[in-house]
């Protein structure tokens, strides 16, 4: 069944490529998405075979990431049917095909039990998602696409160098294996020098794809120019896949008794990312680029949670899910506002609540959620991480964490409140877009999930995050 998680979207992509009708092709997205989600839920309920020794398999981290990807993709797929109705003249053959291939690549990364396959899967996500960024076919979108390809390709090349160093650290083992179970079993005997060098390159390489600062420079352009549903998948899905790759390296470092080095490196990346996000959200006029810096912030929060360890790691796993779903709310509703006003600059988009009330309210609620306001799930996950910070005696780090979050809240509020509640500009020409059950219902569903995770977390769901955290901690 786990192989179907990759096979189904690939087959769907091939059918989309061959299907002649632009009107019916988008329905392949929710069809494949719901099949994918059904498979994931079946695996979660029935369990999966022990992945030990295999190149593909499902462990605790895989379960978390597959559920995250599937929920986000289903919502974006439903939204996409409504979105592509407004773009029939543009054609959607490449767009739908690449979306399904993108789902397949992310699923493969979640299933990968081999460092080489993981690298291939992460690179495949780049190749599948690049044409999606170019969908608007203008000067800015082609610039964003090339920047995305260039920087992520450089990053993935550095990650390959890191894999080679890790393999060299395993010598004189015979044969040298990059299968995770073999690596975790043998890691204590690896050369510390070469392993540390490999970890640095893997952290920088995959960290570029995650979007840690200062490796984040592709994010504002890509998120700003891509359609809203693509931004949601990049910010919620792609970055989570890349972060999974870093968690795999963390597992290896802990098994090699180098966990202290790995935790410190994660903390540094997290603190730097929070600082950059705080600086760039202030007076940011483009609300879609603003969400890109929010993504930098939350990837930094994830890194801090894992870097602190203990209960903060559980908070980071919970935060990964909450962040992904909330980014879906924000990008999908922002895409609706952008479509109605034909602009994404706060000076030209004002009073959205009186024009597209559902999308505006969702955008505002998404802002409150992403900044950790109760009763949303991110309040719980951020509070858990903060609890871990103070429990381990990192009081200065806790104060810094709270200060950066406060600055980011104020910076985001300045732009978002203007977009939602500002006085509409007289004479500003708008499009005829209206919220529909497809384009409005999808982000509403995601917001409901984030709200639910802040109010109640059923034990079976909670167990997913506990198991994932224990795996990262090497327990």
Protein backbone atom coordinates (compact mmCIF):
# COMPACT_ATOMS: atom_id res chain seq x y z
CA UNK A 1 0.00 0.00 0.00
CA UNK A 2 2.85 2.41 0.75
CA UNK A 3 4.09 2.21 -2.83
CA UNK A 4 0.65 3.34 -4.03
CA UNK A 5 1.31 6.65 -2.28
CA UNK A 6 3.86 7.35 -5.02
CA UNK A 7 2.32 5.35 -7.85
CA UNK A 8 -1.18 6.90 -7.70
CA UNK A 9 -0.08 10.55 -8.19
CA UNK A 10 2.39 9.52 -10.90
CA UNK A 11 -0.35 7.72 -12.81
CA UNK A 12 -2.63 10.70 -12.24
CA UNK A 13 0.03 12.99 -13.66
CA UNK A 14 0.44 10.84 -16.75
CA UNK A 15 -3.34 10.81 -17.28
CA UNK A 16 -3.40 14.60 -16.87
CA UNK A 17 -0.70 14.87 -19.49
CA UNK A 18 -2.72 12.82 -21.96
CA UNK A 19 -6.19 14.16 -21.15
CA UNK A 20 -7.26 16.73 -23.79
CA UNK A 21 -9.90 18.63 -21.76
CA UNK A 22 -8.74 21.66 -19.74
CA UNK A 23 -12.18 21.75 -18.11
CA UNK A 24 -12.14 18.20 -16.71
CA UNK A 25 -8.39 17.78 -16.09
CA UNK A 26 -8.37 19.73 -12.76
CA UNK A 27 -10.74 17.16 -11.22
CA UNK A 28 -7.84 14.71 -11.26
CA UNK A 29 -6.31 16.74 -8.42
CA UNK A 30 -9.00 16.05 -5.78
CA UNK A 31 -9.49 12.51 -7.11
CA UNK A 32 -5.83 11.58 -6.61
CA UNK A 33 -5.68 13.67 -3.45
CA UNK A 34 -8.55 11.84 -1.77
CA UNK A 35 -7.16 8.45 -2.82
CA UNK A 36 -3.81 9.48 -1.34
CA UNK A 37 -5.45 10.63 1.92
CA UNK A 38 -7.47 7.40 2.12
CA UNK A 39 -4.28 5.37 1.77
CA UNK A 40 -2.52 7.44 4.43
CA UNK A 41 -5.40 7.10 6.91
CA UNK A 42 -5.58 3.36 6.25
CA UNK A 43 -1.86 3.03 6.98
CA UNK A 44 -2.23 5.06 10.17
CA UNK A 45 -5.13 2.92 11.39
CA UNK A 46 -3.87 -0.51 10.32
CA UNK A 47 -0.18 0.18 10.82
CA UNK A 48 2.69 -0.48 8.42
CA UNK A 49 5.32 -3.23 8.29
CA UNK A 50 8.61 -2.68 10.08
CA UNK A 51 10.73 -0.65 7.61
CA UNK A 52 13.97 -2.08 8.97
CA UNK A 53 16.49 -2.86 6.24
CA UNK A 54 14.37 -1.58 3.35
CA UNK A 55 15.02 1.39 1.08
CA UNK A 56 11.40 2.53 1.37
CA UNK A 57 9.24 2.24 4.45
CA UNK A 58 7.12 4.02 7.01
CA UNK A 59 8.28 5.01 10.48
CA UNK A 60 6.96 7.58 12.97
CA UNK A 61 8.37 10.56 11.05
CA UNK A 62 6.98 9.23 7.79
CA UNK A 63 3.50 8.92 9.28
CA UNK A 64 3.54 12.52 10.45
CA UNK A 65 4.82 13.90 7.17
CA UNK A 66 2.50 11.81 5.00
CA UNK A 67 -0.54 12.97 6.98
CA UNK A 68 0.62 16.59 6.72
CA UNK A 69 1.25 16.40 2.97
CA UNK A 70 -1.99 14.59 2.23
CA UNK A 71 -4.26 16.93 4.22
CA UNK A 72 -2.63 20.00 2.69
CA UNK A 73 -2.71 18.62 -0.86
CA UNK A 74 -6.37 17.57 -0.67
CA UNK A 75 -7.34 21.08 0.42
CA UNK A 76 -5.24 22.70 -2.30
CA UNK A 77 -6.63 20.24 -4.86
CA UNK A 78 -10.23 21.18 -4.08
CA UNK A 79 -9.26 24.83 -4.17
CA UNK A 80 -7.46 24.23 -7.48
CA UNK A 81 -10.65 23.12 -9.22
CA UNK A 82 -12.25 26.46 -8.42
CA UNK A 83 -9.07 28.42 -9.16
CA UNK A 84 -8.46 26.87 -12.57
CA UNK A 85 -12.01 27.69 -13.67
CA UNK A 86 -10.88 31.31 -13.77
CA UNK A 87 -7.83 30.40 -15.85
CA UNK A 88 -9.26 28.12 -18.55
CA UNK A 89 -7.79 30.30 -21.28
CA UNK A 90 -4.31 29.75 -19.84
CA UNK A 91 -4.44 25.97 -20.13
CA UNK A 92 -3.62 23.68 -17.21
CA UNK A 93 -1.99 20.56 -18.66
CA UNK A 94 1.49 21.30 -17.29
CA UNK A 95 0.12 22.79 -14.06
CA UNK A 96 -2.01 19.77 -13.09
CA UNK A 97 0.64 17.29 -14.19
CA UNK A 98 3.38 18.99 -12.16
CA UNK A 99 1.15 19.24 -9.08
CA UNK A 100 0.58 15.48 -9.11
CA UNK A 101 4.26 14.75 -9.74
CA UNK A 102 5.04 17.14 -6.86
CA UNK A 103 2.79 15.06 -4.57
CA UNK A 104 4.56 11.89 -5.71
CA UNK A 105 8.01 13.39 -5.02
CA UNK A 106 7.02 14.57 -1.54
CA UNK A 107 5.55 11.15 -0.76
CA UNK A 108 8.73 9.44 -1.93
CA UNK A 109 10.79 11.69 0.34
CA UNK A 110 8.57 10.73 3.29
CA UNK A 111 8.98 7.02 2.50
CA UNK A 112 12.73 7.12 1.81
CA UNK A 113 14.82 4.93 4.12
CA UNK A 114 18.00 5.51 2.15
CA UNK A 115 19.98 8.76 2.14
CA UNK A 116 20.51 8.61 -1.63
CA UNK A 117 16.80 8.07 -2.36
CA UNK A 118 15.94 10.91 0.00
CA UNK A 119 18.30 13.18 -1.92
CA UNK A 120 16.73 12.17 -5.25
CA UNK A 121 13.22 12.76 -3.89
CA UNK A 122 14.07 16.23 -2.55
CA UNK A 123 15.61 17.16 -5.90
CA UNK A 124 12.52 15.81 -7.67
CA UNK A 125 10.36 18.20 -5.64
CA UNK A 126 12.40 21.07 -7.08
CA UNK A 127 11.97 19.92 -10.67
CA UNK A 128 8.25 19.25 -10.25
CA UNK A 129 7.47 22.55 -8.52
CA UNK A 130 9.52 24.95 -10.68
CA UNK A 131 6.98 25.09 -13.56
CA UNK A 132 4.26 25.82 -10.98
CA UNK A 133 6.01 29.01 -9.90
CA UNK A 134 6.14 30.15 -13.54
CA UNK A 135 2.40 29.67 -14.06
CA UNK A 136 1.61 33.41 -14.34
CA UNK A 137 4.13 33.67 -17.20
CA UNK A 138 5.43 37.17 -16.62
CA UNK A 139 8.83 38.72 -16.05
CA UNK A 140 8.69 38.45 -12.27
CA UNK A 141 7.54 34.83 -12.26
CA UNK A 142 10.32 33.70 -14.62
CA UNK A 143 12.84 35.55 -12.46
CA UNK A 144 11.46 33.86 -9.34
CA UNK A 145 11.57 30.45 -11.04
CA UNK A 146 15.19 30.78 -12.09
CA UNK A 147 16.22 32.02 -8.65
CA UNK A 148 14.39 29.08 -7.08
CA UNK A 149 16.04 26.58 -9.43
CA UNK A 150 19.50 28.08 -9.06
CA UNK A 151 19.59 28.40 -5.28
CA UNK A 152 17.87 25.10 -4.54
CA UNK A 153 20.11 23.29 -7.05
CA UNK A 154 23.21 24.74 -5.39
CA UNK A 155 21.80 23.65 -2.05
CA UNK A 156 21.05 20.13 -3.23
CA UNK A 157 24.57 19.90 -4.70
CA UNK A 158 26.01 20.80 -1.29
CA UNK A 159 23.78 18.15 0.25
CA UNK A 160 25.23 15.59 -2.17
CA UNK A 161 28.71 16.58 -1.04
CA UNK A 162 27.55 16.09 2.53
CA UNK A 163 26.33 12.58 1.68
CA UNK A 164 29.73 11.77 0.19
CA UNK A 165 31.45 12.97 3.37
CA UNK A 166 29.14 10.87 5.52
CA UNK A 167 29.87 7.85 3.31
CA UNK A 168 33.60 8.53 3.68
CA UNK A 169 33.11 8.74 7.46
CA UNK A 170 31.78 5.17 7.34
CA UNK A 171 35.03 3.76 5.93
CA UNK A 172 36.48 1.18 6.36
CA UNK A 173 33.05 -0.45 6.68
CA UNK A 174 32.50 -2.99 3.92
CA UNK A 175 30.18 -2.49 2.23
CA UNK A 176 29.34 1.16 2.94
CA UNK A 177 25.58 1.52 3.35
CA UNK A 178 23.44 4.66 3.16
CA UNK A 179 20.35 2.80 4.36
CA UNK A 180 19.17 4.56 7.53
CA UNK A 181 18.90 1.49 9.75
CA UNK A 182 22.43 0.43 8.79
CA UNK A 183 23.75 3.94 9.36
CA UNK A 184 22.09 4.27 12.77
CA UNK A 185 23.52 0.91 13.80
CA UNK A 186 27.08 1.71 12.63
CA UNK A 187 27.19 5.48 13.29
CA UNK A 188 29.07 5.17 16.59
CA UNK A 189 32.08 3.88 14.64
CA UNK A 190 32.09 6.68 12.03
CA UNK A 191 34.98 9.12 11.73
CA UNK A 192 33.90 12.14 13.81
CA UNK A 193 35.73 14.66 11.62
CA UNK A 194 34.21 13.51 8.34
CA UNK A 195 30.78 13.03 9.91
CA UNK A 196 30.78 16.59 11.22
CA UNK A 197 31.86 17.90 7.84
CA UNK A 198 29.10 15.93 6.17
CA UNK A 199 26.54 17.23 8.65
CA UNK A 200 27.52 20.84 7.94
CA UNK A 201 27.05 20.39 4.20
CA UNK A 202 23.77 18.54 4.69
CA UNK A 203 22.55 21.27 7.03
CA UNK A 204 23.41 24.01 4.52
CA UNK A 205 22.19 22.01 1.52
CA UNK A 206 18.83 20.89 2.83
CA UNK A 207 18.63 24.08 4.91
CA UNK A 208 18.51 26.04 1.65
CA UNK A 209 15.40 24.09 0.67
CA UNK A 210 13.93 24.59 4.14
CA UNK A 211 14.57 28.31 3.79
CA UNK A 212 16.65 28.99 6.89
CA UNK A 213 18.09 32.49 6.93
CA UNK A 214 20.34 33.59 5.31
CA UNK A 215 19.67 30.76 2.81
CA UNK A 216 16.08 31.90 2.31
CA UNK A 217 16.49 34.39 -0.54
CA UNK A 218 14.47 32.30 -3.03
CA UNK A 219 11.39 32.32 -0.80
CA UNK A 220 10.08 35.91 -1.13
CA UNK A 221 10.21 35.79 -4.94
CA UNK A 222 8.84 32.25 -5.30
CA UNK A 223 6.03 32.68 -2.77
CA UNK A 224 5.23 36.16 -4.03
CA UNK A 225 4.87 35.20 -7.70
CA UNK A 226 3.44 31.67 -7.48
CA UNK A 227 -0.34 31.10 -7.39
CA UNK A 228 -1.74 30.92 -3.86
CA UNK A 229 -2.22 27.14 -3.90
CA UNK A 230 1.38 26.65 -5.03
CA UNK A 231 2.61 28.95 -2.27
CA UNK A 232 0.64 26.86 0.22
CA UNK A 233 2.27 23.64 -0.99
CA UNK A 234 5.73 25.19 -1.00
CA UNK A 235 5.43 26.78 2.45
CA UNK A 236 3.57 23.88 4.08
CA UNK A 237 4.68 20.81 2.14
CA UNK A 238 8.06 21.39 0.49
CA UNK A 239 9.71 23.00 3.51
CA UNK A 240 8.42 20.20 5.75
CA UNK A 241 9.90 17.60 3.39
CA UNK A 242 13.28 19.36 3.47
CA UNK A 243 13.07 19.63 7.25
CA UNK A 244 12.44 15.87 7.38
CA UNK A 245 15.74 15.40 5.55
CA UNK A 246 17.45 17.43 8.27
CA UNK A 247 15.76 15.36 10.97
CA UNK A 248 17.21 12.25 9.35
CA UNK A 249 20.68 13.77 9.64
CA UNK A 250 19.93 14.63 13.26
CA UNK A 251 19.11 10.96 13.89
CA UNK A 252 22.47 9.93 12.47
CA UNK A 253 24.35 12.52 14.54
CA UNK A 254 22.65 11.40 17.76
CA UNK A 255 23.42 7.75 16.97
CA UNK A 256 27.08 8.76 16.49
CA UNK A 257 27.09 10.53 19.89
CA UNK A 258 27.40 13.89 18.17
CA UNK A 259 23.98 15.14 19.21
CA UNK A 260 25.37 18.16 21.04
CA UNK A 261 26.94 19.50 17.83
CA UNK A 262 23.74 18.92 15.87
CA UNK A 263 21.51 20.55 18.50
CA UNK A 264 23.75 23.62 18.67
CA UNK A 265 23.76 23.95 14.88
CA UNK A 266 19.96 23.75 14.78
CA UNK A 267 19.71 26.41 17.49
CA UNK A 268 21.98 28.77 15.57
CA UNK A 269 19.97 28.37 12.36
CA UNK A 270 16.76 28.90 14.30
CA UNK A 271 17.87 32.05 16.10
CA UNK A 272 19.29 33.59 12.93
CA UNK A 273 16.08 32.79 11.02
CA UNK A 274 13.93 34.45 13.67
CA UNK A 275 16.07 37.59 13.51
CA UNK A 276 15.92 37.87 9.72
CA UNK A 277 12.16 37.27 9.73
CA UNK A 278 11.64 39.98 12.34
CA UNK A 279 13.68 42.49 10.34
CA UNK A 280 11.99 41.87 7.00
CA UNK A 281 8.35 41.68 8.11
CA UNK A 282 8.50 45.26 9.36
CA UNK A 283 6.83 47.59 6.86
CA UNK A 284 6.61 44.81 4.25
CA UNK A 285 4.03 46.08 1.70
CA UNK A 286 3.57 42.86 -0.30
CA UNK A 287 1.35 40.54 1.73
CA UNK A 288 2.40 37.41 -0.16
CA UNK A 289 6.09 38.17 0.37
CA UNK A 290 5.17 38.82 3.99
CA UNK A 291 4.04 35.20 4.22
CA UNK A 292 7.43 34.12 2.87
CA UNK A 293 9.17 35.78 5.82
CA UNK A 294 6.62 34.17 8.11
CA UNK A 295 7.76 30.85 6.65
CA UNK A 296 11.37 31.74 7.51
CA UNK A 297 10.21 32.48 11.05
CA UNK A 298 8.42 29.20 11.53
CA UNK A 299 11.18 27.08 10.06
CA UNK A 300 13.40 28.81 12.61
CA UNK A 301 10.94 27.90 15.38
CA UNK A 302 11.05 24.27 14.26
CA UNK A 303 14.85 24.31 14.35
CA UNK A 304 14.85 25.82 17.85
CA UNK A 305 12.42 23.21 19.10
CA UNK A 306 14.53 20.34 17.79
CA UNK A 307 17.73 22.07 18.94
CA UNK A 308 16.48 22.39 22.52
CA UNK A 309 15.30 18.78 22.60
CA UNK A 310 13.09 17.05 25.14
CA UNK A 311 9.51 18.32 25.32
CA UNK A 312 10.43 21.05 22.81
CA UNK A 313 10.97 18.36 20.19
CA UNK A 314 7.38 17.21 20.71
CA UNK A 315 6.36 20.86 20.33
CA UNK A 316 8.33 21.08 17.08
CA UNK A 317 6.59 18.02 15.63
CA UNK A 318 3.22 19.49 16.58
CA UNK A 319 4.30 22.84 15.17
CA UNK A 320 5.27 21.30 11.85
CA UNK A 321 1.69 20.16 11.29
CA UNK A 322 0.11 23.37 12.61
CA UNK A 323 2.37 25.56 10.51
CA UNK A 324 1.71 23.62 7.32
CA UNK A 325 -2.07 23.74 7.69
CA UNK A 326 -2.09 27.42 8.68
CA UNK A 327 0.10 28.34 5.74
CA UNK A 328 -2.55 26.71 3.59
CA UNK A 329 -5.19 29.00 5.11
CA UNK A 330 -3.06 32.10 4.58
CA UNK A 331 -1.88 31.43 1.04
CA UNK A 332 -5.25 30.27 -0.27
CA UNK A 333 -7.12 33.23 1.20
CA UNK A 334 -4.35 35.63 0.12
CA UNK A 335 -4.66 34.23 -3.41
CA UNK A 336 -8.38 35.02 -3.39
CA UNK A 337 -7.75 38.60 -2.24
CA UNK A 338 -5.01 39.02 -4.82
CA UNK A 339 -7.32 37.76 -7.55
CA UNK A 340 -10.13 40.17 -6.63
CA UNK A 341 -7.96 43.29 -6.32
CA UNK A 342 -5.46 42.27 -9.00
CA UNK A 343 -2.70 43.40 -6.64
CA UNK A 344 -0.83 42.10 -3.61
CA UNK A 345 0.49 45.44 -2.32
CA UNK A 346 -1.07 46.81 0.84
CA UNK A 347 -1.21 50.37 -0.53
CA UNK A 348 -3.58 49.13 -3.29
CA UNK A 349 -5.49 46.43 -1.39
CA UNK A 350 -7.61 47.87 1.40
CA UNK A 351 -10.92 46.97 2.97
CA UNK A 352 -10.97 43.40 1.69
CA UNK A 353 -13.55 42.46 4.34
CA UNK A 354 -16.17 44.52 2.53
CA UNK A 355 -15.39 43.03 -0.89
CA UNK A 356 -14.46 39.37 -0.31
CA UNK A 357 -15.64 38.90 3.30
CA UNK A 358 -14.99 35.15 3.59
CA UNK A 359 -11.43 35.32 2.27
CA UNK A 360 -10.68 38.43 4.31
CA UNK A 361 -11.94 36.82 7.53
CA UNK A 362 -9.95 33.67 6.79
CA UNK A 363 -6.85 35.77 6.10
CA UNK A 364 -7.29 37.57 9.42
CA UNK A 365 -7.94 34.32 11.31
CA UNK A 366 -4.91 32.76 9.61
CA UNK A 367 -2.79 35.71 10.77
CA UNK A 368 -3.96 35.25 14.36
CA UNK A 369 -3.24 31.52 14.12
CA UNK A 370 0.22 31.84 12.57
CA UNK A 371 1.30 34.34 15.23
CA UNK A 372 0.46 31.87 17.98
CA UNK A 373 -2.76 33.37 19.27
CA UNK A 374 -5.10 31.15 21.31
CA UNK A 375 -7.13 29.04 20.82
CA UNK A 376 -5.36 27.93 17.63
CA UNK A 377 -2.98 24.98 17.47
CA UNK A 378 0.14 27.09 17.01
CA UNK A 379 -0.37 28.60 20.46
CA UNK A 380 -0.08 25.11 21.94
CA UNK A 381 2.96 24.11 19.87
CA UNK A 382 4.83 27.40 20.44
CA UNK A 383 4.01 27.34 24.15
CA UNK A 384 5.35 23.76 24.35
CA UNK A 385 8.59 24.80 22.67
CA UNK A 386 8.88 27.79 25.01
CA UNK A 387 8.24 25.50 27.96
CA UNK A 388 11.11 23.31 26.78
CA UNK A 389 13.39 26.34 26.44
CA UNK A 390 12.79 27.51 30.00
CA UNK A 391 12.80 23.98 31.43
CA UNK A 392 16.36 23.49 30.18
CA UNK A 393 17.54 26.77 31.69
CA UNK A 394 17.88 28.74 28.43
CA UNK A 395 16.34 31.89 29.88
CA UNK A 396 18.13 34.31 27.55
CA UNK A 397 17.07 32.22 24.56
CA UNK A 398 13.49 32.27 25.85
CA UNK A 399 13.51 36.04 26.18
CA UNK A 400 14.95 36.37 22.68
CA UNK A 401 12.31 33.96 21.34
CA UNK A 402 9.45 35.96 22.86
CA UNK A 403 10.91 39.28 21.69
CA UNK A 404 11.22 38.13 18.09
CA UNK A 405 7.68 36.73 18.12
CA UNK A 406 6.36 40.06 19.43
CA UNK A 407 8.19 42.04 16.74
CA UNK A 408 6.93 39.71 14.01
CA UNK A 409 3.36 39.95 15.32
CA UNK A 410 3.46 43.74 15.17
CA UNK A 411 5.10 43.76 11.73
CA UNK A 412 2.58 41.35 10.22
CA UNK A 413 -0.36 43.10 11.88
CA UNK A 414 0.58 46.42 10.29
CA UNK A 415 0.20 45.01 6.78
CA UNK A 416 -2.59 42.49 7.28
CA UNK A 417 -4.93 44.77 9.22
CA UNK A 418 -4.53 47.40 6.49
CA UNK A 419 -5.43 44.84 3.82
CA UNK A 420 -8.46 43.54 5.72
CA UNK A 421 -9.87 46.67 7.41
CA UNK A 422 -8.36 49.63 5.57
CA UNK A 423 -10.47 52.16 3.67
CA UNK A 424 -11.08 50.90 0.09
CA UNK A 425 -9.46 53.04 -2.58
CA UNK A 426 -11.95 54.94 -4.71
CA UNK A 427 -11.72 54.35 -8.43
CA UNK A 428 -9.54 51.24 -8.00
CA UNK A 429 -10.62 48.73 -10.66
CA UNK A 430 -11.35 45.23 -9.33
CA UNK A 431 -12.04 41.92 -10.99
CA UNK A 432 -15.36 40.06 -10.85
CA UNK A 433 -14.01 37.30 -8.60
CA UNK A 434 -16.33 36.09 -5.83
CA UNK A 435 -15.63 33.49 -3.14
CA UNK A 436 -17.05 30.06 -3.94
CA UNK A 437 -17.47 26.87 -1.94
CA UNK A 438 -14.33 25.54 -3.63
CA UNK A 439 -11.98 28.50 -3.19
CA UNK A 440 -13.43 29.48 0.20
CA UNK A 441 -14.29 26.08 1.60
CA UNK A 442 -10.76 24.64 1.30
CA UNK A 443 -9.03 27.23 3.55
CA UNK A 444 -12.02 27.11 5.92
CA UNK A 445 -11.49 23.35 6.31
CA UNK A 446 -7.79 23.87 7.09
CA UNK A 447 -8.59 26.59 9.60
CA UNK A 448 -11.03 24.23 11.32
CA UNK A 449 -8.27 21.63 11.69
CA UNK A 450 -5.86 24.18 13.19
CA UNK A 451 -8.55 25.36 15.60
CA UNK A 452 -9.39 21.78 16.55
CA UNK A 453 -5.73 21.02 17.29
CA UNK A 454 -5.67 23.98 19.64
CA UNK A 455 -8.78 22.84 21.54
CA UNK A 456 -8.47 19.08 21.68
CA UNK A 457 -5.80 16.62 20.57
CA UNK A 458 -7.16 13.03 20.57
CA UNK A 459 -4.78 10.45 21.95
CA UNK A 460 -4.28 8.61 18.61
CA UNK A 461 -3.33 11.91 16.97
CA UNK A 462 -1.17 12.94 19.92
CA UNK A 463 0.62 9.59 19.66
CA UNK A 464 1.73 10.46 16.11
CA UNK A 465 3.63 13.50 17.40
CA UNK A 466 4.98 11.71 20.47
CA UNK A 467 6.36 8.86 18.35
CA UNK A 468 7.90 11.23 15.83
CA UNK A 469 9.60 13.23 18.61
CA UNK A 470 10.92 10.05 20.24
CA UNK A 471 12.39 8.91 16.91
CA UNK A 472 14.20 12.23 16.43
CA UNK A 473 15.52 12.07 19.98
CA UNK A 474 16.86 8.56 19.37
CA UNK A 475 14.65 7.03 22.05
